[in-house]
């Protein structure tokens, strides 16, 4: 791949084990905290899918 310069978006590796583990941890924390709240119907854990390929 091509390295991205400072300030660009999505300059991380989606398949890096540490990234995957952190995503799973954050998702669990959000689900534990807000999952039973009747005001929450859904949430999006990313922003601007595919915007900066």
N, C-alpha and C. Protein backbone atom coordinates (compact mmCIF):
# COMPACT_ATOMS: atom_id res chain seq x y z
N UNK A 1 0.81 -1.18 0.00
CA UNK A 1 0.00 0.00 0.00
C UNK A 1 0.86 1.25 0.00
N UNK A 2 0.20 2.36 -0.02
CA UNK A 2 0.86 3.66 0.00
C UNK A 2 0.62 4.35 1.33
N UNK A 3 1.68 4.75 2.02
CA UNK A 3 1.50 5.47 3.28
C UNK A 3 0.77 6.80 3.03
N UNK A 4 -0.05 7.18 3.96
CA UNK A 4 -0.74 8.46 3.86
C UNK A 4 -0.01 9.49 4.70
N UNK A 5 -0.11 10.73 4.27
CA UNK A 5 0.56 11.81 4.98
C UNK A 5 -0.22 12.18 6.24
N UNK A 6 0.45 12.86 7.13
CA UNK A 6 -0.16 13.29 8.38
C UNK A 6 -1.42 14.08 8.12
N UNK A 7 -2.45 13.80 8.89
CA UNK A 7 -3.70 14.55 8.79
C UNK A 7 -4.75 13.88 7.93
N UNK A 8 -4.38 12.85 7.19
CA UNK A 8 -5.38 12.17 6.37
C UNK A 8 -6.23 11.27 7.25
N UNK A 9 -7.36 10.87 6.73
CA UNK A 9 -8.23 9.96 7.47
C UNK A 9 -7.90 8.53 7.10
N UNK A 10 -8.28 7.65 7.98
CA UNK A 10 -8.16 6.21 7.75
C UNK A 10 -6.75 5.78 7.42
N UNK A 11 -5.82 6.25 8.19
CA UNK A 11 -4.43 5.85 7.99
C UNK A 11 -4.05 4.76 8.99
N UNK A 12 -4.92 3.77 9.10
CA UNK A 12 -4.70 2.63 9.99
C UNK A 12 -5.02 1.36 9.22
N UNK A 13 -4.59 0.26 9.74
CA UNK A 13 -4.77 -1.03 9.09
C UNK A 13 -5.97 -1.75 9.71
N UNK A 14 -6.99 -1.99 8.90
CA UNK A 14 -8.20 -2.65 9.39
C UNK A 14 -7.95 -4.07 9.87
N UNK A 15 -6.89 -4.69 9.40
CA UNK A 15 -6.63 -6.09 9.77
C UNK A 15 -5.62 -6.23 10.91
N UNK A 16 -5.12 -5.11 11.44
CA UNK A 16 -4.17 -5.17 12.56
C UNK A 16 -4.88 -5.71 13.80
N UNK A 17 -4.28 -6.70 14.44
CA UNK A 17 -4.92 -7.35 15.58
C UNK A 17 -5.24 -6.37 16.71
N UNK A 18 -4.36 -5.43 16.97
CA UNK A 18 -4.62 -4.43 18.01
C UNK A 18 -5.82 -3.56 17.68
N UNK A 19 -5.95 -3.19 16.41
CA UNK A 19 -7.10 -2.38 15.99
C UNK A 19 -8.39 -3.16 16.18
N UNK A 20 -8.39 -4.42 15.77
CA UNK A 20 -9.57 -5.26 15.90
C UNK A 20 -9.96 -5.42 17.37
N UNK A 21 -8.99 -5.67 18.22
CA UNK A 21 -9.26 -5.84 19.65
C UNK A 21 -9.82 -4.56 20.27
N UNK A 22 -9.27 -3.42 19.89
CA UNK A 22 -9.78 -2.16 20.43
C UNK A 22 -11.21 -1.89 19.95
N UNK A 23 -11.50 -2.20 18.69
CA UNK A 23 -12.86 -2.03 18.17
C UNK A 23 -13.84 -2.91 18.93
N UNK A 24 -13.44 -4.15 19.19
CA UNK A 24 -14.31 -5.06 19.95
C UNK A 24 -14.53 -4.55 21.37
N UNK A 25 -13.47 -4.06 22.00
CA UNK A 25 -13.58 -3.54 23.37
C UNK A 25 -14.51 -2.34 23.42
N UNK A 26 -14.33 -1.40 22.51
CA UNK A 26 -15.17 -0.20 22.49
C UNK A 26 -16.63 -0.57 22.23
N UNK A 27 -16.86 -1.50 21.31
CA UNK A 27 -18.22 -1.93 21.01
C UNK A 27 -18.88 -2.57 22.22
N UNK A 28 -18.13 -3.40 22.96
CA UNK A 28 -18.68 -4.01 24.18
C UNK A 28 -19.02 -2.96 25.23
N UNK A 29 -18.15 -1.98 25.41
CA UNK A 29 -18.40 -0.93 26.40
C UNK A 29 -19.67 -0.14 26.02
N UNK A 30 -19.80 0.21 24.76
CA UNK A 30 -21.00 0.93 24.31
C UNK A 30 -22.26 0.10 24.51
N UNK A 31 -22.19 -1.18 24.15
CA UNK A 31 -23.36 -2.05 24.29
C UNK A 31 -23.73 -2.23 25.76
N UNK A 32 -22.74 -2.41 26.62
CA UNK A 32 -23.02 -2.56 28.05
C UNK A 32 -23.64 -1.30 28.64
N UNK A 33 -23.14 -0.17 28.22
CA UNK A 33 -23.61 1.09 28.80
C UNK A 33 -24.97 1.52 28.26
N UNK A 34 -25.18 1.38 26.94
CA UNK A 34 -26.38 1.93 26.33
C UNK A 34 -27.36 0.89 25.78
N UNK A 35 -26.98 -0.37 25.80
CA UNK A 35 -27.79 -1.41 25.15
C UNK A 35 -29.20 -1.56 25.68
N UNK A 36 -29.42 -1.33 26.95
CA UNK A 36 -30.76 -1.50 27.53
C UNK A 36 -31.57 -0.20 27.57
N UNK A 37 -31.00 0.87 27.09
CA UNK A 37 -31.69 2.17 27.11
C UNK A 37 -32.79 2.16 26.05
N UNK A 38 -34.05 2.29 26.44
CA UNK A 38 -35.15 2.23 25.47
C UNK A 38 -35.15 3.38 24.46
N UNK A 39 -34.40 4.42 24.75
CA UNK A 39 -34.33 5.55 23.81
C UNK A 39 -33.37 5.28 22.66
N UNK A 40 -32.54 4.26 22.81
CA UNK A 40 -31.55 3.93 21.78
C UNK A 40 -32.10 2.81 20.91
N UNK A 41 -32.23 3.08 19.63
CA UNK A 41 -32.73 2.07 18.69
C UNK A 41 -31.60 1.48 17.86
N UNK A 42 -30.58 2.27 17.61
CA UNK A 42 -29.44 1.83 16.81
C UNK A 42 -28.32 2.84 16.98
N UNK A 43 -27.12 2.44 16.64
CA UNK A 43 -26.03 3.40 16.59
C UNK A 43 -25.06 3.01 15.50
N UNK A 44 -24.38 3.99 15.00
CA UNK A 44 -23.38 3.80 13.95
C UNK A 44 -22.01 3.97 14.58
N UNK A 45 -21.12 3.01 14.36
CA UNK A 45 -19.81 3.07 15.02
C UNK A 45 -18.71 3.57 14.09
N UNK A 46 -19.10 3.99 12.90
CA UNK A 46 -18.12 4.56 11.98
C UNK A 46 -18.74 5.81 11.39
N UNK A 47 -17.94 6.57 10.68
CA UNK A 47 -18.39 7.81 10.10
C UNK A 47 -17.92 7.87 8.65
N UNK A 48 -18.81 8.23 7.75
CA UNK A 48 -18.47 8.44 6.34
C UNK A 48 -17.83 7.20 5.72
N UNK A 49 -18.60 6.11 5.68
CA UNK A 49 -18.11 4.87 5.07
C UNK A 49 -17.55 5.12 3.67
N UNK A 50 -16.35 4.68 3.43
CA UNK A 50 -15.75 4.74 2.11
C UNK A 50 -15.51 6.13 1.57
N UNK A 51 -15.56 7.13 2.42
CA UNK A 51 -15.43 8.51 1.96
C UNK A 51 -14.00 8.82 1.50
N UNK A 52 -13.01 8.24 2.15
CA UNK A 52 -11.61 8.56 1.86
C UNK A 52 -10.85 7.27 1.56
N UNK A 53 -11.04 6.75 0.39
CA UNK A 53 -10.37 5.50 0.03
C UNK A 53 -8.95 5.77 -0.37
